[in-house]
């Protein structure tokens, strides 16, 4: 069921630039699918029985996606790394409420959509189109979708994390050296999440360094002038914002985040 959900979730949510959504927005696609499913169930005559069964499966998958959407978003996409790094930027600037949370989440969602679009397009070509054309079954389409998704996850996961969960799962080593092992979902997904957390905190640490230098310089100057009652953050925050604006910080951060993923 999870593999089938991957097929639909990547096309419906993560790939707005994919060809599947050139006909209309997400709500229209979902409503049309549900409407056609209900109509086919209501008309169980002869040749429509097979269509009724397929539509019932699609409805079940769509309902499953709605409940699993938050978990899928934060575990098998680039969303986790992006939102953590953007939160680090806000904290490093010393402005804990600017940009507000809705802006950070919205930017993270659209950057995630941009990063995952190539993966969604490949799934659309290799899994969705053959399934809609009737050349493959939905189980086969789900397997093809997971194969493409697994390639993205492994390409962006450190080998140390993969080895860790492979050992804990008591899986045998690959038969031939240099040949990638077909790892199951229970190994790939947690290894990817752990790798994303490590990468995000490393990027956040590097973002903190220049602003930490500004804080140290301002604190030293204030102490040397005997201004003990003046909070250093009141002086350092404008300088940090000025530095961030002068170097076009948001441009650099978003560019670094997008280019840090392997999508091919």
C-alpha atoms as a PDB file:
ATOM      1  CA  UNK A   1       0.000   0.000   0.000  1.00  0.00           C
ATOM      2  CA  UNK A   2       2.852   2.394   0.765  1.00  0.00           C
ATOM      3  CA  UNK A   3       4.354   1.870  -2.672  1.00  0.00           C
ATOM      4  CA  UNK A   4       1.034   2.618  -4.293  1.00  0.00           C
ATOM      5  CA  UNK A   5       0.761   5.744  -2.178  1.00  0.00           C
ATOM      6  CA  UNK A   6       4.169   6.848  -3.431  1.00  0.00           C
ATOM      7  CA  UNK A   7       2.937   6.667  -7.005  1.00  0.00           C
ATOM      8  CA  UNK A   8       0.051   9.024  -6.328  1.00  0.00           C
ATOM      9  CA  UNK A   9       1.677  11.347  -3.788  1.00  0.00           C
ATOM     10  CA  UNK A  10       4.638  12.218  -5.960  1.00  0.00           C
ATOM     11  CA  UNK A  11       2.452  13.040  -8.912  1.00  0.00           C
ATOM     12  CA  UNK A  12      -0.173  14.919  -6.904  1.00  0.00           C
ATOM     13  CA  UNK A  13       1.912  16.881  -4.428  1.00  0.00           C
ATOM     14  CA  UNK A  14       5.625  16.815  -5.173  1.00  0.00           C
ATOM     15  CA  UNK A  15       5.538  17.307  -8.920  1.00  0.00           C
ATOM     16  CA  UNK A  16       3.446  20.336  -9.842  1.00  0.00           C
ATOM     17  CA  UNK A  17       5.699  20.885 -12.842  1.00  0.00           C
ATOM     18  CA  UNK A  18       5.152  17.379 -14.145  1.00  0.00           C
ATOM     19  CA  UNK A  19       3.055  16.799 -17.213  1.00  0.00           C
ATOM     20  CA  UNK A  20       0.365  15.106 -15.175  1.00  0.00           C
ATOM     21  CA  UNK A  21      -0.782  18.436 -13.833  1.00  0.00           C
ATOM     22  CA  UNK A  22      -0.938  20.446 -17.014  1.00  0.00           C
ATOM     23  CA  UNK A  23      -4.660  19.792 -17.183  1.00  0.00           C
ATOM     24  CA  UNK A  24      -5.628  21.374 -13.874  1.00  0.00           C
ATOM     25  CA  UNK A  25      -4.758  21.980 -10.235  1.00  0.00           C
ATOM     26  CA  UNK A  26      -4.535  19.316  -7.548  1.00  0.00           C
ATOM     27  CA  UNK A  27      -8.029  19.776  -6.059  1.00  0.00           C
ATOM     28  CA  UNK A  28      -9.645  19.342  -9.484  1.00  0.00           C
ATOM     29  CA  UNK A  29      -7.678  16.172 -10.184  1.00  0.00           C
ATOM     30  CA  UNK A  30      -8.561  14.637  -6.825  1.00  0.00           C
ATOM     31  CA  UNK A  31     -12.237  15.595  -7.078  1.00  0.00           C
ATOM     32  CA  UNK A  32     -12.469  14.222 -10.624  1.00  0.00           C
ATOM     33  CA  UNK A  33     -10.880  10.951  -9.547  1.00  0.00           C
ATOM     34  CA  UNK A  34     -13.242  10.586  -6.616  1.00  0.00           C
ATOM     35  CA  UNK A  35     -16.240  11.533  -8.756  1.00  0.00           C
ATOM     36  CA  UNK A  36     -15.389   9.002 -11.450  1.00  0.00           C
ATOM     37  CA  UNK A  37     -14.848   6.356  -8.793  1.00  0.00           C
ATOM     38  CA  UNK A  38     -18.225   6.986  -7.205  1.00  0.00           C
ATOM     39  CA  UNK A  39     -19.962   6.955 -10.595  1.00  0.00           C
ATOM     40  CA  UNK A  40     -18.339   3.669 -11.587  1.00  0.00           C
ATOM     41  CA  UNK A  41     -19.337   2.066  -8.285  1.00  0.00           C
ATOM     42  CA  UNK A  42     -22.914   3.259  -8.756  1.00  0.00           C
ATOM     43  CA  UNK A  43     -23.070   1.643 -12.229  1.00  0.00           C
ATOM     44  CA  UNK A  44     -22.020  -1.984 -11.820  1.00  0.00           C
ATOM     45  CA  UNK A  45     -23.171  -3.186 -15.243  1.00  0.00           C
ATOM     46  CA  UNK A  46     -21.143  -5.649 -17.379  1.00  0.00           C
ATOM     47  CA  UNK A  47     -18.049  -3.988 -18.870  1.00  0.00           C
ATOM     48  CA  UNK A  48     -17.760  -1.457 -16.049  1.00  0.00           C
ATOM     49  CA  UNK A  49     -17.079  -3.991 -13.300  1.00  0.00           C
ATOM     50  CA  UNK A  50     -13.321  -3.943 -13.968  1.00  0.00           C
ATOM     51  CA  UNK A  51     -13.309  -0.157 -14.003  1.00  0.00           C
ATOM     52  CA  UNK A  52     -15.238  -0.147 -10.723  1.00  0.00           C
ATOM     53  CA  UNK A  53     -12.578  -2.290  -9.042  1.00  0.00           C
ATOM     54  CA  UNK A  54      -9.734  -0.083 -10.318  1.00  0.00           C
ATOM     55  CA  UNK A  55     -11.520   3.075  -9.195  1.00  0.00           C
ATOM     56  CA  UNK A  56     -12.181   1.610  -5.770  1.00  0.00           C
ATOM     57  CA  UNK A  57      -8.458   0.901  -5.382  1.00  0.00           C
ATOM     58  CA  UNK A  58      -7.602   4.462  -6.458  1.00  0.00           C
ATOM     59  CA  UNK A  59     -10.066   5.894  -3.940  1.00  0.00           C
ATOM     60  CA  UNK A  60      -8.544   3.781  -1.170  1.00  0.00           C
ATOM     61  CA  UNK A  61      -5.048   4.949  -2.130  1.00  0.00           C
ATOM     62  CA  UNK A  62      -6.112   8.598  -2.217  1.00  0.00           C
ATOM     63  CA  UNK A  63      -7.685   8.348   1.221  1.00  0.00           C
ATOM     64  CA  UNK A  64      -4.540   6.656   2.517  1.00  0.00           C
ATOM     65  CA  UNK A  65      -2.431   9.480   1.083  1.00  0.00           C
ATOM     66  CA  UNK A  66      -4.464  12.117   2.919  1.00  0.00           C
ATOM     67  CA  UNK A  67      -3.698  10.464   6.259  1.00  0.00           C
ATOM     68  CA  UNK A  68      -0.034   9.714   5.458  1.00  0.00           C
ATOM     69  CA  UNK A  69       0.742  13.009   3.737  1.00  0.00           C
ATOM     70  CA  UNK A  70       2.612  14.689   6.656  1.00  0.00           C
ATOM     71  CA  UNK A  71       4.699  11.593   7.330  1.00  0.00           C
ATOM     72  CA  UNK A  72       5.508  11.115   3.647  1.00  0.00           C
ATOM     73  CA  UNK A  73       6.448  14.786   3.260  1.00  0.00           C
ATOM     74  CA  UNK A  74       8.994  14.813   6.078  1.00  0.00           C
ATOM     75  CA  UNK A  75      10.503  11.357   5.522  1.00  0.00           C
ATOM     76  CA  UNK A  76      11.037  10.770   1.793  1.00  0.00           C
ATOM     77  CA  UNK A  77      11.394  14.295   0.389  1.00  0.00           C
ATOM     78  CA  UNK A  78      13.832  17.179   0.707  1.00  0.00           C
ATOM     79  CA  UNK A  79      11.464  19.058   3.029  1.00  0.00           C
ATOM     80  CA  UNK A  80      13.265  18.176   6.285  1.00  0.00           C
ATOM     81  CA  UNK A  81      16.666  19.539   5.274  1.00  0.00           C
ATOM     82  CA  UNK A  82      15.197  22.679   3.750  1.00  0.00           C
ATOM     83  CA  UNK A  83      13.011  23.727   6.662  1.00  0.00           C
ATOM     84  CA  UNK A  84      15.740  23.017   9.252  1.00  0.00           C
ATOM     85  CA  UNK A  85      18.300  25.121   7.374  1.00  0.00           C
ATOM     86  CA  UNK A  86      15.847  27.993   6.908  1.00  0.00           C
ATOM     87  CA  UNK A  87      15.052  27.851  10.623  1.00  0.00           C
ATOM     88  CA  UNK A  88      18.779  28.014  11.377  1.00  0.00           C
ATOM     89  CA  UNK A  89      19.063  31.126   9.210  1.00  0.00           C
ATOM     90  CA  UNK A  90      16.302  32.849  11.138  1.00  0.00           C
ATOM     91  CA  UNK A  91      17.843  31.888  14.480  1.00  0.00           C
ATOM     92  CA  UNK A  92      21.330  32.985  13.393  1.00  0.00           C
ATOM     93  CA  UNK A  93      20.028  36.406  12.409  1.00  0.00           C
ATOM     94  CA  UNK A  94      18.610  36.840  15.904  1.00  0.00           C
ATOM     95  CA  UNK A  95      15.084  37.588  14.616  1.00  0.00           C
ATOM     96  CA  UNK A  96      13.137  34.614  15.955  1.00  0.00           C
ATOM     97  CA  UNK A  97       9.785  35.755  14.557  1.00  0.00           C
ATOM     98  CA  UNK A  98      10.873  37.039  11.147  1.00  0.00           C
ATOM     99  CA  UNK A  99      10.188  35.582   8.655  1.00  0.00           C
ATOM    100  CA  UNK A 100       7.071  34.131  10.316  1.00  0.00           C
ATOM    101  CA  UNK A 101       6.472  30.385  10.380  1.00  0.00           C
ATOM    102  CA  UNK A 102       3.923  30.371   7.504  1.00  0.00           C
ATOM    103  CA  UNK A 103       6.487  32.015   5.225  1.00  0.00           C
ATOM    104  CA  UNK A 104       9.222  29.555   6.183  1.00  0.00           C
ATOM    105  CA  UNK A 105       6.904  26.561   5.696  1.00  0.00           C
ATOM    106  CA  UNK A 106       5.549  27.899   2.403  1.00  0.00           C
ATOM    107  CA  UNK A 107       9.025  28.532   0.985  1.00  0.00           C
ATOM    108  CA  UNK A 108      10.127  25.087   2.150  1.00  0.00           C
ATOM    109  CA  UNK A 109       7.165  23.459   0.412  1.00  0.00           C
ATOM    110  CA  UNK A 110       7.831  25.176  -2.913  1.00  0.00           C
ATOM    111  CA  UNK A 111      11.576  24.471  -2.763  1.00  0.00           C
ATOM    112  CA  UNK A 112      10.690  20.847  -2.005  1.00  0.00           C
ATOM    113  CA  UNK A 113       8.371  20.830  -5.006  1.00  0.00           C
ATOM    114  CA  UNK A 114      11.159  22.256  -7.178  1.00  0.00           C
ATOM    115  CA  UNK A 115      13.698  19.673  -5.991  1.00  0.00           C
ATOM    116  CA  UNK A 116      11.361  16.697  -6.310  1.00  0.00           C
ATOM    117  CA  UNK A 117       9.941  17.677  -9.728  1.00  0.00           C
ATOM    118  CA  UNK A 118      12.518  15.658 -11.766  1.00  0.00           C
ATOM    119  CA  UNK A 119      11.794  12.558  -9.678  1.00  0.00           C
ATOM    120  CA  UNK A 120       8.054  13.033 -10.148  1.00  0.00           C
ATOM    121  CA  UNK A 121       8.481  13.467 -13.901  1.00  0.00           C
ATOM    122  CA  UNK A 122      10.411  10.208 -14.175  1.00  0.00           C
ATOM    123  CA  UNK A 123       7.741   8.407 -12.156  1.00  0.00           C
ATOM    124  CA  UNK A 124       5.089   9.931 -14.395  1.00  0.00           C
ATOM    125  CA  UNK A 125       6.820   8.638 -17.517  1.00  0.00           C
ATOM    126  CA  UNK A 126       7.775   5.172 -16.254  1.00  0.00           C
ATOM    127  CA  UNK A 127       4.909   4.300 -13.911  1.00  0.00           C
ATOM    128  CA  UNK A 128       1.891   6.583 -14.284  1.00  0.00           C
ATOM    129  CA  UNK A 129       1.610   6.662 -18.069  1.00  0.00           C
ATOM    130  CA  UNK A 130       1.870   2.864 -18.539  1.00  0.00           C
ATOM    131  CA  UNK A 131      -0.626   2.336 -15.724  1.00  0.00           C
ATOM    132  CA  UNK A 132      -3.167   4.749 -17.196  1.00  0.00           C
ATOM    133  CA  UNK A 133      -2.649   3.186 -20.622  1.00  0.00           C
ATOM    134  CA  UNK A 134      -3.460  -0.205 -19.143  1.00  0.00           C
ATOM    135  CA  UNK A 135      -0.147  -1.835 -20.093  1.00  0.00           C
ATOM    136  CA  UNK A 136       0.849  -2.587 -16.465  1.00  0.00           C
ATOM    137  CA  UNK A 137      -1.028  -3.350 -13.277  1.00  0.00           C
ATOM    138  CA  UNK A 138      -1.169  -0.951 -10.345  1.00  0.00           C
ATOM    139  CA  UNK A 139       1.141  -3.182  -8.279  1.00  0.00           C
ATOM    140  CA  UNK A 140       3.784  -3.024 -10.996  1.00  0.00           C
ATOM    141  CA  UNK A 141       3.316   0.744 -11.246  1.00  0.00           C
ATOM    142  CA  UNK A 142       3.863   1.045  -7.511  1.00  0.00           C
ATOM    143  CA  UNK A 143       7.070  -1.003  -7.753  1.00  0.00           C
ATOM    144  CA  UNK A 144       8.376   1.203 -10.567  1.00  0.00           C
ATOM    145  CA  UNK A 145       7.520   4.334  -8.589  1.00  0.00           C
ATOM    146  CA  UNK A 146       9.330   3.027  -5.514  1.00  0.00           C
ATOM    147  CA  UNK A 147      12.367   2.101  -7.627  1.00  0.00           C
ATOM    148  CA  UNK A 148      12.701   5.692  -8.829  1.00  0.00           C
ATOM    149  CA  UNK A 149      12.070   7.051  -5.343  1.00  0.00           C
ATOM    150  CA  UNK A 150      14.584   4.682  -3.802  1.00  0.00           C
ATOM    151  CA  UNK A 151      17.200   5.884  -6.265  1.00  0.00           C
ATOM    152  CA  UNK A 152      16.686   9.465  -5.076  1.00  0.00           C
ATOM    153  CA  UNK A 153      16.808   8.488  -1.405  1.00  0.00           C
ATOM    154  CA  UNK A 154      19.982   6.413  -1.715  1.00  0.00           C
ATOM    155  CA  UNK A 155      21.713   9.064  -3.825  1.00  0.00           C
ATOM    156  CA  UNK A 156      21.181  11.608  -1.048  1.00  0.00           C
ATOM    157  CA  UNK A 157      22.008   9.310   1.883  1.00  0.00           C
ATOM    158  CA  UNK A 158      25.420   8.795   3.418  1.00  0.00           C
ATOM    159  CA  UNK A 159      26.830   5.304   3.130  1.00  0.00           C
ATOM    160  CA  UNK A 160      27.494   5.218   6.881  1.00  0.00           C
ATOM    161  CA  UNK A 161      23.778   5.601   7.635  1.00  0.00           C
ATOM    162  CA  UNK A 162      22.885   2.906   5.106  1.00  0.00           C
ATOM    163  CA  UNK A 163      25.448   0.558   6.636  1.00  0.00           C
ATOM    164  CA  UNK A 164      24.119   1.301  10.126  1.00  0.00           C
ATOM    165  CA  UNK A 165      20.528   0.329   9.376  1.00  0.00           C
ATOM    166  CA  UNK A 166      21.604  -2.553   7.148  1.00  0.00           C
ATOM    167  CA  UNK A 167      23.559  -4.040  10.055  1.00  0.00           C
ATOM    168  CA  UNK A 168      20.710  -3.467  12.517  1.00  0.00           C
ATOM    169  CA  UNK A 169      18.298  -5.160  10.091  1.00  0.00           C
ATOM    170  CA  UNK A 170      20.651  -8.177   9.865  1.00  0.00           C
ATOM    171  CA  UNK A 171      20.648  -8.026   6.071  1.00  0.00           C
ATOM    172  CA  UNK A 172      23.326  -9.924   4.142  1.00  0.00           C
ATOM    173  CA  UNK A 173      26.000  -7.921   2.283  1.00  0.00           C
ATOM    174  CA  UNK A 174      25.658  -7.472  -1.491  1.00  0.00           C
ATOM    175  CA  UNK A 175      26.674 -10.594  -3.441  1.00  0.00           C
ATOM    176  CA  UNK A 176      29.162  -8.723  -5.664  1.00  0.00           C
ATOM    177  CA  UNK A 177      31.448  -5.927  -4.556  1.00  0.00           C
ATOM    178  CA  UNK A 178      30.595  -2.641  -6.226  1.00  0.00           C
ATOM    179  CA  UNK A 179      27.057  -3.738  -7.097  1.00  0.00           C
ATOM    180  CA  UNK A 180      24.385  -1.700  -5.271  1.00  0.00           C
ATOM    181  CA  UNK A 181      22.209  -3.739  -2.958  1.00  0.00           C
ATOM    182  CA  UNK A 182      18.418  -3.726  -3.277  1.00  0.00           C
ATOM    183  CA  UNK A 183      17.690  -2.301   0.159  1.00  0.00           C
ATOM    184  CA  UNK A 184      14.135  -2.455   1.575  1.00  0.00           C
ATOM    185  CA  UNK A 185      12.111   0.560   2.600  1.00  0.00           C
ATOM    186  CA  UNK A 186      12.641  -0.055   6.323  1.00  0.00           C
ATOM    187  CA  UNK A 187      16.370   0.527   5.771  1.00  0.00           C
ATOM    188  CA  UNK A 188      16.367   3.274   3.151  1.00  0.00           C
ATOM    189  CA  UNK A 189      13.849   5.673   4.728  1.00  0.00           C
ATOM    190  CA  UNK A 190      15.298   5.951   8.283  1.00  0.00           C
ATOM    191  CA  UNK A 191      18.827   6.136   6.847  1.00  0.00           C
ATOM    192  CA  UNK A 192      17.736   8.993   4.582  1.00  0.00           C
ATOM    193  CA  UNK A 193      16.072  10.891   7.438  1.00  0.00           C
ATOM    194  CA  UNK A 194      19.134  10.493   9.669  1.00  0.00           C
ATOM    195  CA  UNK A 195      21.406  11.660   6.866  1.00  0.00           C
ATOM    196  CA  UNK A 196      19.179  14.664   6.196  1.00  0.00           C
ATOM    197  CA  UNK A 197      19.288  15.696   9.856  1.00  0.00           C
ATOM    198  CA  UNK A 198      23.079  15.466   9.902  1.00  0.00           C
ATOM    199  CA  UNK A 199      23.450  17.465   6.695  1.00  0.00           C
ATOM    200  CA  UNK A 200      20.981  20.123   7.835  1.00  0.00           C
ATOM    201  CA  UNK A 201      22.794  20.665  11.138  1.00  0.00           C
ATOM    202  CA  UNK A 202      26.141  20.878   9.364  1.00  0.00           C
ATOM    203  CA  UNK A 203      24.788  23.557   7.030  1.00  0.00           C
ATOM    204  CA  UNK A 204      23.220  25.372   9.997  1.00  0.00           C
ATOM    205  CA  UNK A 205      26.556  25.382  11.830  1.00  0.00           C
ATOM    206  CA  UNK A 206      28.288  26.967   8.849  1.00  0.00           C
ATOM    207  CA  UNK A 207      25.546  29.586   8.652  1.00  0.00           C
ATOM    208  CA  UNK A 208      25.994  30.466  12.315  1.00  0.00           C
ATOM    209  CA  UNK A 209      29.749  31.146  12.090  1.00  0.00           C
ATOM    210  CA  UNK A 210      29.793  34.617  10.413  1.00  0.00           C
ATOM    211  CA  UNK A 211      26.992  35.889  12.642  1.00  0.00           C
ATOM    212  CA  UNK A 212      28.777  34.528  15.716  1.00  0.00           C
ATOM    213  CA  UNK A 213      31.827  36.572  14.768  1.00  0.00           C
ATOM    214  CA  UNK A 214      29.676  39.710  14.620  1.00  0.00           C
ATOM    215  CA  UNK A 215      28.249  38.941  18.073  1.00  0.00           C
ATOM    216  CA  UNK A 216      31.743  38.465  19.525  1.00  0.00           C
ATOM    217  CA  UNK A 217      33.060  41.701  18.019  1.00  0.00           C
ATOM    218  CA  UNK A 218      30.087  43.747  19.213  1.00  0.00           C
ATOM    219  CA  UNK A 219      30.267  42.251  22.713  1.00  0.00           C
ATOM    220  CA  UNK A 220      34.000  42.975  22.965  1.00  0.00           C
ATOM    221  CA  UNK A 221      33.522  46.582  21.832  1.00  0.00           C
ATOM    222  CA  UNK A 222      30.706  47.197  24.293  1.00  0.00           C
ATOM    223  CA  UNK A 223      32.691  45.700  27.181  1.00  0.00           C
ATOM    224  CA  UNK A 224      35.763  47.777  26.323  1.00  0.00           C
ATOM    225  CA  UNK A 225      33.604  50.916  26.312  1.00  0.00           C
ATOM    226  CA  UNK A 226      32.122  50.021  29.704  1.00  0.00           C
ATOM    227  CA  UNK A 227      28.565  49.776  28.335  1.00  0.00           C
ATOM    228  CA  UNK A 228      27.565  46.836  30.518  1.00  0.00           C
ATOM    229  CA  UNK A 229      23.837  47.670  30.630  1.00  0.00           C
ATOM    230  CA  UNK A 230      23.358  47.761  26.866  1.00  0.00           C
ATOM    231  CA  UNK A 231      22.398  44.309  25.491  1.00  0.00           C
ATOM    232  CA  UNK A 232      24.827  43.350  22.689  1.00  0.00           C
ATOM    233  CA  UNK A 233      21.992  41.834  20.653  1.00  0.00           C
ATOM    234  CA  UNK A 234      20.472  45.296  20.138  1.00  0.00           C
ATOM    235  CA  UNK A 235      23.632  46.393  18.343  1.00  0.00           C
ATOM    236  CA  UNK A 236      24.604  43.171  16.598  1.00  0.00           C
ATOM    237  CA  UNK A 237      21.204  42.364  15.087  1.00  0.00           C
ATOM    238  CA  UNK A 238      21.129  45.329  12.657  1.00  0.00           C
ATOM    239  CA  UNK A 239      24.684  44.526  11.547  1.00  0.00           C
ATOM    240  CA  UNK A 240      23.799  40.880  10.963  1.00  0.00           C
ATOM    241  CA  UNK A 241      20.738  41.822   8.928  1.00  0.00           C
ATOM    242  CA  UNK A 242      22.822  44.326   6.933  1.00  0.00           C
ATOM    243  CA  UNK A 243      25.461  41.694   6.183  1.00  0.00           C
ATOM    244  CA  UNK A 244      22.835  39.156   5.169  1.00  0.00           C
ATOM    245  CA  UNK A 245      21.183  41.633   2.803  1.00  0.00           C
ATOM    246  CA  UNK A 246      24.459  42.810   1.260  1.00  0.00           C
ATOM    247  CA  UNK A 247      25.555  39.285   0.340  1.00  0.00           C
ATOM    248  CA  UNK A 248      22.034  38.442  -0.926  1.00  0.00           C
ATOM    249  CA  UNK A 249      21.690  35.782   1.737  1.00  0.00           C
ATOM    250  CA  UNK A 250      18.324  34.320   0.788  1.00  0.00           C
ATOM    251  CA  UNK A 251      19.512  33.806  -2.781  1.00  0.00           C
ATOM    252  CA  UNK A 252      22.655  32.017  -1.617  1.00  0.00           C
ATOM    253  CA  UNK A 253      20.821  29.875   0.930  1.00  0.00           C
ATOM    254  CA  UNK A 254      18.110  28.732  -1.492  1.00  0.00           C
ATOM    255  CA  UNK A 255      20.665  28.065  -4.229  1.00  0.00           C
ATOM    256  CA  UNK A 256      22.831  26.032  -1.860  1.00  0.00           C
ATOM    257  CA  UNK A 257      19.841  24.025  -0.641  1.00  0.00           C
ATOM    258  CA  UNK A 258      18.554  23.153  -4.110  1.00  0.00           C
ATOM    259  CA  UNK A 259      21.970  22.269  -5.525  1.00  0.00           C
ATOM    260  CA  UNK A 260      22.837  20.146  -2.500  1.00  0.00           C
ATOM    261  CA  UNK A 261      20.427  17.401  -3.658  1.00  0.00           C
ATOM    262  CA  UNK A 262      21.108  14.777  -6.304  1.00  0.00           C
ATOM    263  CA  UNK A 263      18.019  14.375  -8.477  1.00  0.00           C
ATOM    264  CA  UNK A 264      19.441  12.746 -11.627  1.00  0.00           C
END
